[in-house]
Amino acid sequence: MSDPYVEKATNEKLTPQQKIDGLKEILEITKTGMLTTRGTNGELHSRAMAPASLDGLHFTFIANNESHKTDEMESDPHVNVSFFDPGSNHWASVAGTAQVRQDKKRAKELWNPFVKAWFGDLGDGVHKGDENDPRVTLIDVTPTEIRYWYSTRTKIGAAVEIAASAVTGKVAHPGELRTITPQEASRSKKP
């Protein structure tokens, strides 16, 4: 038995580039995602993080290498990054693998002054919270699968359709479920 909602909402008629463009529209709106890792005890841990770069569909985050998230990714590189826009109800879920790496040149290219707020100056002359701070590390996330919901109705239109479907017994689909495969993601144009 299958899920009638998924069957009705899945759009398989789009080209890979159309699916990628729809996802990039969502990422442009949301800016910040929830990066989820698995702790060494098996528990899931999420934190809000803004991608510093999106090359094709490969995400790069600037992180503090003294936080637990880097230890968790080195123990289990499987991660998820989710995005949600409450204004449109668009959402995206990016399953992938993470690699923690030191690349001072790339970190300097991606650095912006607001990142310093997440590091702080420890006052020792070394850990200044700038792009040269030894705590600065990069997290690269390579997608293994991307699923997202693209709303095709306004909030009012969606509410009307959902209410009508509840009354008629028909399955509502005020948007489309889209999947980007690893092969499609690897062909993504770089911005």
N, C-alpha and C. Protein backbone atom coordinates (compact mmCIF):
# COMPACT_ATOMS: atom_id res chain seq x y z
N MET A 1 0.85 -1.18 0.00
CA MET A 1 0.00 0.00 0.00
C MET A 1 0.89 1.24 0.00
N SER A 2 0.55 2.21 -0.80
CA SER A 2 1.38 3.41 -0.89
C SER A 2 0.67 4.61 -0.24
N ASP A 3 1.41 5.66 -0.07
CA ASP A 3 0.90 6.90 0.53
C ASP A 3 0.24 7.73 -0.57
N PRO A 4 -1.09 7.90 -0.53
CA PRO A 4 -1.77 8.64 -1.61
C PRO A 4 -1.33 10.10 -1.71
N TYR A 5 -0.97 10.69 -0.59
CA TYR A 5 -0.49 12.07 -0.61
C TYR A 5 0.81 12.18 -1.41
N VAL A 6 1.75 11.28 -1.11
CA VAL A 6 3.04 11.29 -1.81
C VAL A 6 2.82 11.04 -3.30
N GLU A 7 1.96 10.07 -3.63
CA GLU A 7 1.68 9.78 -5.04
C GLU A 7 1.13 11.00 -5.77
N LYS A 8 0.22 11.71 -5.14
CA LYS A 8 -0.41 12.85 -5.80
C LYS A 8 0.52 14.06 -5.87
N ALA A 9 1.34 14.27 -4.87
CA ALA A 9 2.17 15.48 -4.80
C ALA A 9 3.50 15.34 -5.53
N THR A 10 3.95 14.12 -5.80
CA THR A 10 5.25 13.94 -6.44
C THR A 10 5.20 14.40 -7.89
N ASN A 11 6.14 15.26 -8.25
CA ASN A 11 6.22 15.77 -9.63
C ASN A 11 7.48 15.19 -10.27
N GLU A 12 7.27 14.25 -11.19
CA GLU A 12 8.40 13.63 -11.88
C GLU A 12 8.55 14.18 -13.30
N LYS A 13 7.79 15.23 -13.63
CA LYS A 13 7.83 15.78 -14.99
C LYS A 13 8.87 16.88 -15.16
N LEU A 14 9.47 17.31 -14.08
CA LEU A 14 10.45 18.40 -14.16
C LEU A 14 11.81 17.87 -14.61
N THR A 15 12.54 18.71 -15.30
CA THR A 15 13.92 18.37 -15.66
C THR A 15 14.78 18.49 -14.41
N PRO A 16 15.94 17.85 -14.41
CA PRO A 16 16.84 18.03 -13.26
C PRO A 16 17.14 19.50 -12.99
N GLN A 17 17.37 20.30 -14.03
CA GLN A 17 17.70 21.71 -13.81
C GLN A 17 16.52 22.46 -13.21
N GLN A 18 15.28 22.13 -13.61
CA GLN A 18 14.10 22.78 -13.01
C GLN A 18 14.00 22.45 -11.52
N LYS A 19 14.30 21.19 -11.17
CA LYS A 19 14.27 20.81 -9.75
C LYS A 19 15.35 21.55 -8.97
N ILE A 20 16.53 21.65 -9.55
CA ILE A 20 17.64 22.35 -8.89
C ILE A 20 17.31 23.83 -8.73
N ASP A 21 16.74 24.44 -9.75
CA ASP A 21 16.37 25.86 -9.68
C ASP A 21 15.32 26.09 -8.58
N GLY A 22 14.34 25.18 -8.45
CA GLY A 22 13.33 25.31 -7.39
C GLY A 22 13.96 25.22 -6.01
N LEU A 23 14.91 24.30 -5.84
CA LEU A 23 15.60 24.18 -4.56
C LEU A 23 16.40 25.44 -4.26
N LYS A 24 17.12 25.93 -5.24
CA LYS A 24 17.94 27.14 -5.01
C LYS A 24 17.07 28.33 -4.64
N GLU A 25 15.86 28.39 -5.18
CA GLU A 25 14.92 29.46 -4.80
C GLU A 25 14.60 29.37 -3.31
N ILE A 26 14.37 28.16 -2.82
CA ILE A 26 14.08 27.96 -1.40
C ILE A 26 15.29 28.35 -0.55
N LEU A 27 16.47 27.92 -0.95
CA LEU A 27 17.69 28.22 -0.19
C LEU A 27 17.97 29.71 -0.14
N GLU A 28 17.66 30.41 -1.23
CA GLU A 28 17.86 31.86 -1.27
C GLU A 28 16.94 32.57 -0.28
N ILE A 29 15.73 32.06 -0.13
CA ILE A 29 14.75 32.66 0.78
C ILE A 29 15.12 32.36 2.24
N THR A 30 15.47 31.12 2.53
CA THR A 30 15.62 30.70 3.93
C THR A 30 16.95 31.09 4.56
N LYS A 31 18.03 31.04 3.83
CA LYS A 31 19.37 31.45 4.28
C LYS A 31 19.97 30.55 5.37
N THR A 32 19.19 30.14 6.36
CA THR A 32 19.71 29.35 7.48
C THR A 32 19.03 27.99 7.52
N GLY A 33 19.81 26.96 7.78
CA GLY A 33 19.27 25.61 7.87
C GLY A 33 19.56 25.01 9.22
N MET A 34 18.97 23.87 9.48
CA MET A 34 19.24 23.10 10.69
C MET A 34 20.13 21.93 10.30
N LEU A 35 21.38 21.96 10.77
CA LEU A 35 22.34 20.90 10.49
C LEU A 35 22.22 19.86 11.60
N THR A 36 21.89 18.63 11.21
CA THR A 36 21.68 17.55 12.18
C THR A 36 22.78 16.50 12.05
N THR A 37 23.36 16.16 13.20
CA THR A 37 24.40 15.13 13.27
C THR A 37 23.96 14.07 14.27
N ARG A 38 24.68 12.95 14.26
CA ARG A 38 24.40 11.89 15.24
C ARG A 38 25.53 11.89 16.25
N GLY A 39 25.16 12.03 17.52
CA GLY A 39 26.14 12.01 18.59
C GLY A 39 26.73 10.63 18.78
N THR A 40 27.82 10.56 19.51
CA THR A 40 28.48 9.28 19.76
C THR A 40 27.59 8.34 20.58
N ASN A 41 26.58 8.91 21.25
CA ASN A 41 25.62 8.09 22.01
C ASN A 41 24.41 7.70 21.17
N GLY A 42 24.40 8.07 19.88
CA GLY A 42 23.30 7.72 18.99
C GLY A 42 22.22 8.77 18.89
N GLU A 43 22.22 9.75 19.78
CA GLU A 43 21.21 10.81 19.76
C GLU A 43 21.45 11.77 18.60
N LEU A 44 20.35 12.33 18.08
CA LEU A 44 20.46 13.32 17.02
C LEU A 44 20.58 14.71 17.63
N HIS A 45 21.46 15.53 17.07
CA HIS A 45 21.67 16.90 17.54
C HIS A 45 21.56 17.84 16.35
N SER A 46 20.76 18.89 16.50
CA SER A 46 20.57 19.88 15.44
C SER A 46 20.97 21.25 15.93
N ARG A 47 21.45 22.04 14.99
CA ARG A 47 21.78 23.44 15.31
C ARG A 47 21.59 24.26 14.04
N ALA A 48 21.20 25.52 14.24
CA ALA A 48 21.00 26.42 13.10
C ALA A 48 22.36 26.87 12.57
N MET A 49 22.53 26.75 11.26
CA MET A 49 23.77 27.20 10.62
C MET A 49 23.44 27.73 9.23
N ALA A 50 24.14 28.76 8.85
CA ALA A 50 23.96 29.35 7.52
C ALA A 50 25.10 28.86 6.62
N PRO A 51 24.77 28.30 5.46
CA PRO A 51 25.84 27.91 4.55
C PRO A 51 26.67 29.14 4.15
N ALA A 52 27.99 29.01 4.21
CA ALA A 52 28.88 30.09 3.76
C ALA A 52 29.03 30.05 2.26
N SER A 53 28.78 28.87 1.67
CA SER A 53 28.92 28.71 0.24
C SER A 53 28.03 27.57 -0.23
N LEU A 54 27.54 27.72 -1.45
CA LEU A 54 26.77 26.67 -2.11
C LEU A 54 27.33 26.57 -3.52
N ASP A 55 28.30 25.67 -3.70
CA ASP A 55 28.89 25.43 -5.01
C ASP A 55 28.16 24.27 -5.64
N GLY A 56 27.43 24.56 -6.72
CA GLY A 56 26.55 23.53 -7.25
C GLY A 56 25.53 23.27 -6.16
N LEU A 57 25.45 22.06 -5.69
CA LEU A 57 24.60 21.75 -4.53
C LEU A 57 25.44 21.18 -3.39
N HIS A 58 26.70 21.56 -3.32
CA HIS A 58 27.59 21.16 -2.24
C HIS A 58 27.69 22.33 -1.27
N PHE A 59 27.33 22.08 -0.02
CA PHE A 59 27.26 23.11 1.01
C PHE A 59 28.57 23.19 1.78
N THR A 60 29.01 24.41 2.09
CA THR A 60 30.16 24.60 2.97
C THR A 60 29.74 25.51 4.11
N PHE A 61 30.04 25.08 5.34
CA PHE A 61 29.74 25.85 6.54
C PHE A 61 31.06 26.20 7.23
N ILE A 62 31.11 27.36 7.87
CA ILE A 62 32.23 27.72 8.73
C ILE A 62 31.84 27.32 10.15
N ALA A 63 32.74 26.60 10.83
CA ALA A 63 32.40 26.09 12.16
C ALA A 63 33.60 26.20 13.10
N ASN A 64 33.30 26.01 14.38
CA ASN A 64 34.32 26.00 15.43
C ASN A 64 34.74 24.55 15.65
N ASN A 65 36.02 24.25 15.42
CA ASN A 65 36.47 22.86 15.55
C ASN A 65 36.53 22.36 16.99
N GLU A 66 36.22 23.22 17.94
CA GLU A 66 36.16 22.79 19.34
C GLU A 66 34.74 22.44 19.77
N SER A 67 33.79 22.51 18.84
CA SER A 67 32.42 22.15 19.18
C SER A 67 32.21 20.65 18.98
N HIS A 68 31.18 20.12 19.59
CA HIS A 68 30.89 18.69 19.49
C HIS A 68 30.51 18.27 18.09
N LYS A 69 29.97 19.19 17.30
CA LYS A 69 29.49 18.79 15.97
C LYS A 69 30.61 18.22 15.11
N THR A 70 31.82 18.78 15.21
CA THR A 70 32.91 18.25 14.39
C THR A 70 33.31 16.84 14.85
N ASP A 71 33.31 16.60 16.15
CA ASP A 71 33.59 15.25 16.66
C ASP A 71 32.53 14.27 16.17
N GLU A 72 31.27 14.72 16.21
CA GLU A 72 30.17 13.85 15.78
C GLU A 72 30.30 13.50 14.30
N MET A 73 30.67 14.46 13.47
CA MET A 73 30.81 14.20 12.04
C MET A 73 32.00 13.30 11.73
N GLU A 74 33.03 13.40 12.53
CA GLU A 74 34.18 12.52 12.33
C GLU A 74 33.83 11.09 12.75
N SER A 75 32.93 10.93 13.73
CA SER A 75 32.49 9.62 14.17
C SER A 75 31.47 9.03 13.19
N ASP A 76 30.56 9.86 12.69
CA ASP A 76 29.53 9.43 11.73
C ASP A 76 29.30 10.59 10.76
N PRO A 77 29.78 10.48 9.53
CA PRO A 77 29.69 11.60 8.60
C PRO A 77 28.30 11.84 8.00
N HIS A 78 27.33 10.98 8.30
CA HIS A 78 25.98 11.16 7.75
C HIS A 78 25.29 12.31 8.47
N VAL A 79 24.80 13.28 7.70
CA VAL A 79 24.15 14.46 8.25
C VAL A 79 22.88 14.76 7.47
N ASN A 80 22.10 15.68 8.00
CA ASN A 80 20.95 16.22 7.30
C ASN A 80 20.95 17.72 7.53
N VAL A 81 20.64 18.45 6.48
CA VAL A 81 20.46 19.89 6.59
C VAL A 81 19.05 20.18 6.11
N SER A 82 18.23 20.79 6.97
CA SER A 82 16.85 21.08 6.58
C SER A 82 16.62 22.59 6.59
N PHE A 83 15.75 23.01 5.69
CA PHE A 83 15.42 24.42 5.52
C PHE A 83 13.90 24.55 5.49
N PHE A 84 13.36 25.64 6.06
CA PHE A 84 11.91 25.87 6.05
C PHE A 84 11.64 27.36 5.92
N ASP A 85 10.72 27.69 5.04
CA ASP A 85 10.28 29.07 4.87
C ASP A 85 8.82 29.16 5.31
N PRO A 86 8.55 29.75 6.49
CA PRO A 86 7.17 29.83 6.96
C PRO A 86 6.29 30.73 6.09
N GLY A 87 6.88 31.63 5.33
CA GLY A 87 6.09 32.51 4.47
C GLY A 87 5.42 31.78 3.32
N SER A 88 6.08 30.77 2.79
CA SER A 88 5.54 30.04 1.64
C SER A 88 5.23 28.58 1.96
N ASN A 89 5.71 28.09 3.09
CA ASN A 89 5.66 26.68 3.48
C ASN A 89 6.59 25.80 2.65
N HIS A 90 7.49 26.40 1.86
CA HIS A 90 8.52 25.61 1.18
C HIS A 90 9.42 24.98 2.25
N TRP A 91 9.86 23.75 2.02
CA TRP A 91 10.87 23.15 2.88
C TRP A 91 11.80 22.28 2.04
N ALA A 92 12.98 22.03 2.57
CA ALA A 92 13.94 21.16 1.90
C ALA A 92 14.68 20.33 2.94
N SER A 93 14.97 19.09 2.58
CA SER A 93 15.72 18.18 3.43
C SER A 93 16.87 17.61 2.61
N VAL A 94 18.09 17.91 3.04
CA VAL A 94 19.29 17.50 2.32
C VAL A 94 20.00 16.43 3.15
N ALA A 95 19.95 15.19 2.69
CA ALA A 95 20.70 14.11 3.33
C ALA A 95 22.05 14.05 2.65
N GLY A 96 23.10 13.87 3.44
CA GLY A 96 24.42 13.83 2.81
C GLY A 96 25.50 13.37 3.76
N THR A 97 26.72 13.50 3.29
CA THR A 97 27.88 13.17 4.10
C THR A 97 28.70 14.43 4.31
N ALA A 98 29.26 14.54 5.50
CA ALA A 98 30.03 15.72 5.87
C ALA A 98 31.51 15.38 5.97
N GLN A 99 32.31 16.36 5.61
CA GLN A 99 33.75 16.25 5.78
C GLN A 99 34.21 17.51 6.49
N VAL A 100 34.91 17.32 7.60
CA VAL A 100 35.47 18.44 8.36
C VAL A 100 36.89 18.64 7.85
N ARG A 101 37.22 19.89 7.50
CA ARG A 101 38.57 20.12 6.96
C ARG A 101 39.09 21.50 7.34
N GLN A 102 40.39 21.58 7.45
CA GLN A 102 41.08 22.84 7.68
C GLN A 102 41.53 23.35 6.31
N ASP A 103 41.09 24.52 5.93
CA ASP A 103 41.51 25.14 4.67
C ASP A 103 41.46 26.64 4.90
N LYS A 104 42.56 27.17 5.42
CA LYS A 104 42.60 28.60 5.80
C LYS A 104 42.35 29.51 4.61
N LYS A 105 42.87 29.14 3.44
CA LYS A 105 42.67 29.98 2.25
C LYS A 105 41.18 30.07 1.92
N ARG A 106 40.50 28.93 1.88
CA ARG A 106 39.07 28.92 1.56
C ARG A 106 38.27 29.60 2.67
N ALA A 107 38.65 29.40 3.92
CA ALA A 107 37.95 30.06 5.04
C ALA A 107 38.04 31.57 4.90
N LYS A 108 39.19 32.08 4.50
CA LYS A 108 39.34 33.53 4.30
C LYS A 108 38.46 34.02 3.16
N GLU A 109 38.33 33.23 2.10
CA GLU A 109 37.47 33.60 0.97
C GLU A 109 36.01 33.69 1.39
N LEU A 110 35.60 32.81 2.29
CA LEU A 110 34.19 32.73 2.71
C LEU A 110 33.87 33.62 3.90
N TRP A 111 34.88 34.12 4.58
CA TRP A 111 34.71 34.85 5.83
C TRP A 111 33.91 36.13 5.63
N ASN A 112 33.07 36.44 6.61
CA ASN A 112 32.44 37.76 6.70
C ASN A 112 32.50 38.18 8.16
N PRO A 113 32.47 39.47 8.44
CA PRO A 113 32.67 39.96 9.81
C PRO A 113 31.68 39.41 10.83
N PHE A 114 30.48 39.02 10.40
CA PHE A 114 29.47 38.54 11.35
C PHE A 114 29.81 37.16 11.91
N VAL A 115 30.65 36.40 11.20
CA VAL A 115 31.02 35.07 11.69
C VAL A 115 31.78 35.17 13.01
N LYS A 116 32.51 36.26 13.20
CA LYS A 116 33.29 36.45 14.42
C LYS A 116 32.41 36.34 15.67
N ALA A 117 31.15 36.73 15.54
CA ALA A 117 30.23 36.69 16.68
C ALA A 117 30.07 35.28 17.25
N TRP A 118 30.32 34.25 16.44
CA TRP A 118 30.14 32.87 16.89
C TRP A 118 31.42 32.27 17.46
N PHE A 119 32.52 33.00 17.40
CA PHE A 119 33.79 32.50 17.92
C PHE A 119 34.23 33.25 19.17
N GLY A 120 34.13 34.57 19.14
CA GLY A 120 34.57 35.37 20.27
C GLY A 120 36.09 35.45 20.38
N ASP A 121 36.58 36.53 20.93
CA ASP A 121 38.01 36.74 21.17
C ASP A 121 38.32 36.24 22.57
N LEU A 122 39.16 35.22 22.68
CA LEU A 122 39.50 34.65 23.99
C LEU A 122 40.56 35.47 24.73
N GLY A 123 41.08 36.52 24.08
CA GLY A 123 42.02 37.41 24.74
C GLY A 123 43.43 36.86 24.90
N ASP A 124 43.75 35.78 24.19
CA ASP A 124 45.10 35.20 24.31
C ASP A 124 46.00 35.57 23.13
N GLY A 125 45.51 36.42 22.24
CA GLY A 125 46.30 36.83 21.08
C GLY A 125 46.30 35.82 19.95
N VAL A 126 45.78 34.64 20.17
CA VAL A 126 45.74 33.59 19.14
C VAL A 126 44.30 33.33 18.71
N HIS A 127 43.43 33.13 19.68
CA HIS A 127 42.02 32.82 19.43
C HIS A 127 41.22 34.13 19.42
N LYS A 128 41.39 34.89 18.33
CA LYS A 128 40.80 36.23 18.23
C LYS A 128 39.41 36.23 17.60
N GLY A 129 38.94 35.07 17.17
CA GLY A 129 37.61 35.01 16.56
C GLY A 129 37.58 35.53 15.14
N ASP A 130 38.75 35.68 14.52
CA ASP A 130 38.79 36.13 13.13
C ASP A 130 39.12 34.95 12.21
N GLU A 131 39.28 35.23 10.93
CA GLU A 131 39.51 34.16 9.96
C GLU A 131 40.84 33.42 10.18
N ASN A 132 41.75 33.99 10.97
CA ASN A 132 43.03 33.33 11.27
C ASN A 132 43.00 32.51 12.55
N ASP A 133 41.89 32.53 13.25
CA ASP A 133 41.73 31.78 14.50
C ASP A 133 41.89 30.28 14.21
N PRO A 134 42.70 29.55 14.98
CA PRO A 134 42.88 28.12 14.73
C PRO A 134 41.62 27.28 14.95
N ARG A 135 40.61 27.86 15.58
CA ARG A 135 39.35 27.13 15.76
C ARG A 135 38.51 27.09 14.49
N VAL A 136 38.80 27.99 13.54
CA VAL A 136 38.00 28.09 12.32
C VAL A 136 38.24 26.86 11.44
N THR A 137 37.16 26.17 11.13
CA THR A 137 37.23 24.99 10.28
C THR A 137 36.07 25.03 9.30
N LEU A 138 36.14 24.21 8.27
CA LEU A 138 35.07 24.14 7.28
C LEU A 138 34.40 22.78 7.37
N ILE A 139 33.10 22.79 7.15
CA ILE A 139 32.33 21.56 7.04
C ILE A 139 31.75 21.54 5.63
N ASP A 140 32.13 20.54 4.85
CA ASP A 140 31.58 20.37 3.50
C ASP A 140 30.53 19.28 3.55
N VAL A 141 29.35 19.56 3.02
CA VAL A 141 28.29 18.56 2.96
C VAL A 141 28.02 18.24 1.49
N THR A 142 28.20 16.98 1.15
CA THR A 142 27.90 16.49 -0.20
C THR A 142 26.58 15.74 -0.14
N PRO A 143 25.56 16.19 -0.87
CA PRO A 143 24.26 15.54 -0.81
C PRO A 143 24.27 14.12 -1.37
N THR A 144 23.53 13.24 -0.70
CA THR A 144 23.26 11.91 -1.24
C THR A 144 21.83 11.85 -1.76
N GLU A 145 20.95 12.68 -1.20
CA GLU A 145 19.59 12.82 -1.73
C GLU A 145 19.00 14.12 -1.18
N ILE A 146 18.25 14.78 -2.02
CA ILE A 146 17.59 16.02 -1.61
C ILE A 146 16.11 15.86 -1.92
N ARG A 147 15.28 16.08 -0.91
CA ARG A 147 13.83 16.09 -1.09
C ARG A 147 13.32 17.44 -0.64
N TYR A 148 12.39 17.98 -1.41
CA TYR A 148 11.84 19.25 -0.98
C TYR A 148 10.40 19.40 -1.42
N TRP A 149 9.72 20.29 -0.73
CA TRP A 149 8.32 20.61 -0.98
C TRP A 149 8.28 22.02 -1.54
N TYR A 150 7.67 22.14 -2.70
CA TYR A 150 7.55 23.44 -3.35
C TYR A 150 6.07 23.80 -3.40
N SER A 151 5.68 24.80 -2.62
CA SER A 151 4.27 25.21 -2.57
C SER A 151 3.86 25.80 -3.90
N THR A 152 2.71 25.36 -4.39
CA THR A 152 2.18 25.89 -5.65
C THR A 152 0.94 26.74 -5.43
N ARG A 153 0.57 26.92 -4.18
CA ARG A 153 -0.59 27.73 -3.83
C ARG A 153 -0.18 28.75 -2.77
N THR A 154 -0.94 29.81 -2.67
CA THR A 154 -0.75 30.76 -1.58
C THR A 154 -1.19 30.08 -0.29
N LYS A 155 -0.89 30.70 0.83
CA LYS A 155 -1.33 30.12 2.11
C LYS A 155 -2.85 29.98 2.15
N ILE A 156 -3.55 31.00 1.66
CA ILE A 156 -5.02 30.94 1.65
C ILE A 156 -5.49 29.85 0.70
N GLY A 157 -4.88 29.78 -0.48
CA GLY A 157 -5.24 28.75 -1.45
C GLY A 157 -5.00 27.35 -0.91
N ALA A 158 -3.89 27.19 -0.20
CA ALA A 158 -3.58 25.89 0.40
C ALA A 158 -4.59 25.54 1.47
N ALA A 159 -4.95 26.51 2.31
CA ALA A 159 -5.94 26.27 3.38
C ALA A 159 -7.28 25.86 2.78
N VAL A 160 -7.69 26.53 1.71
CA VAL A 160 -8.96 26.20 1.05
C VAL A 160 -8.91 24.78 0.50
N GLU A 161 -7.81 24.44 -0.18
CA GLU A 161 -7.70 23.09 -0.75
C GLU A 161 -7.69 22.02 0.34
N ILE A 162 -6.98 22.27 1.42
CA ILE A 162 -6.92 21.30 2.51
C ILE A 162 -8.30 21.12 3.14
N ALA A 163 -9.00 22.23 3.37
CA ALA A 163 -10.35 22.15 3.94
C ALA A 163 -11.29 21.40 3.00
N ALA A 164 -11.23 21.71 1.71
CA ALA A 164 -12.09 21.02 0.74
C ALA A 164 -11.76 19.53 0.69
N SER A 165 -10.50 19.19 0.75
CA SER A 165 -10.11 17.78 0.72
C SER A 165 -10.57 17.05 1.98
N ALA A 166 -10.55 17.75 3.11
CA ALA A 166 -11.03 17.13 4.35
C ALA A 166 -12.51 16.81 4.26
N VAL A 167 -13.27 17.67 3.58
CA VAL A 167 -14.72 17.48 3.43
C VAL A 167 -15.02 16.41 2.38
N THR A 168 -14.32 16.45 1.25
CA THR A 168 -14.62 15.54 0.14
C THR A 168 -13.95 14.18 0.25
N GLY A 169 -12.92 14.09 1.08
CA GLY A 169 -12.18 12.83 1.19
C GLY A 169 -11.10 12.68 0.13
N LYS A 170 -10.93 13.69 -0.70
CA LYS A 170 -9.86 13.65 -1.70
C LYS A 170 -8.54 14.06 -1.06
N VAL A 171 -7.46 13.68 -1.68
CA VAL A 171 -6.13 13.99 -1.15
C VAL A 171 -5.72 15.39 -1.59
N ALA A 172 -5.35 16.22 -0.63
CA ALA A 172 -4.88 17.57 -0.93
C ALA A 172 -3.46 17.52 -1.48
N HIS A 173 -3.16 18.45 -2.35
CA HIS A 173 -1.78 18.58 -2.84
C HIS A 173 -1.53 20.04 -3.24
N PRO A 174 -1.41 20.90 -2.22
CA PRO A 174 -1.19 22.33 -2.50
C PRO A 174 0.26 22.66 -2.87
N GLY A 175 0.97 21.65 -3.30
CA GLY A 175 2.36 21.84 -3.69
C GLY A 175 2.90 20.56 -4.28
N GLU A 176 4.20 20.56 -4.51
CA GLU A 176 4.84 19.42 -5.15
C GLU A 176 6.00 18.90 -4.31
N LEU A 177 6.09 17.58 -4.22
CA LEU A 177 7.26 16.93 -3.62
C LEU A 177 8.24 16.66 -4.76
N ARG A 178 9.47 17.06 -4.55
CA ARG A 178 10.49 16.89 -5.59
C ARG A 178 11.71 16.22 -4.98
N THR A 179 12.35 15.36 -5.74
CA THR A 179 13.56 14.68 -5.30
C THR A 179 14.68 14.95 -6.30
N ILE A 180 15.83 15.30 -5.76
CA ILE A 180 17.03 15.48 -6.58
C ILE A 180 17.98 14.34 -6.22
N THR A 181 18.30 13.52 -7.20
CA THR A 181 19.18 12.38 -6.97
C THR A 181 20.64 12.84 -6.89
N PRO A 182 21.52 11.99 -6.38
CA PRO A 182 22.95 12.36 -6.36
C PRO A 182 23.50 12.67 -7.75
N GLN A 183 23.04 11.92 -8.76
CA GLN A 183 23.50 12.16 -10.12
C GLN A 183 23.06 13.54 -10.60
N GLU A 184 21.82 13.92 -10.30
CA GLU A 184 21.32 15.24 -10.70
C GLU A 184 22.06 16.34 -9.94
N ALA A 185 22.31 16.12 -8.66
CA ALA A 185 23.01 17.12 -7.85
C ALA A 185 24.43 17.34 -8.36
N SER A 186 25.09 16.27 -8.78
CA SER A 186 26.48 16.40 -9.23
C SER A 186 26.57 17.17 -10.55
N ARG A 187 25.48 17.23 -11.31
CA ARG A 187 25.48 17.97 -12.57
C ARG A 187 25.06 19.42 -12.39
N SER A 188 24.76 19.81 -11.16
CA SER A 188 24.27 21.16 -10.91
C SER A 188 25.28 22.20 -11.35
N LYS A 189 24.77 23.24 -11.97
CA LYS A 189 25.61 24.36 -12.38
C LYS A 189 26.10 25.09 -11.15
N LYS A 190 27.34 25.52 -11.17
CA LYS A 190 27.85 26.34 -10.06
C LYS A 190 27.32 27.74 -10.24
N PRO A 191 26.98 28.41 -9.11
CA PRO A 191 26.41 29.75 -9.22
C PRO A 191 27.42 30.76 -9.75
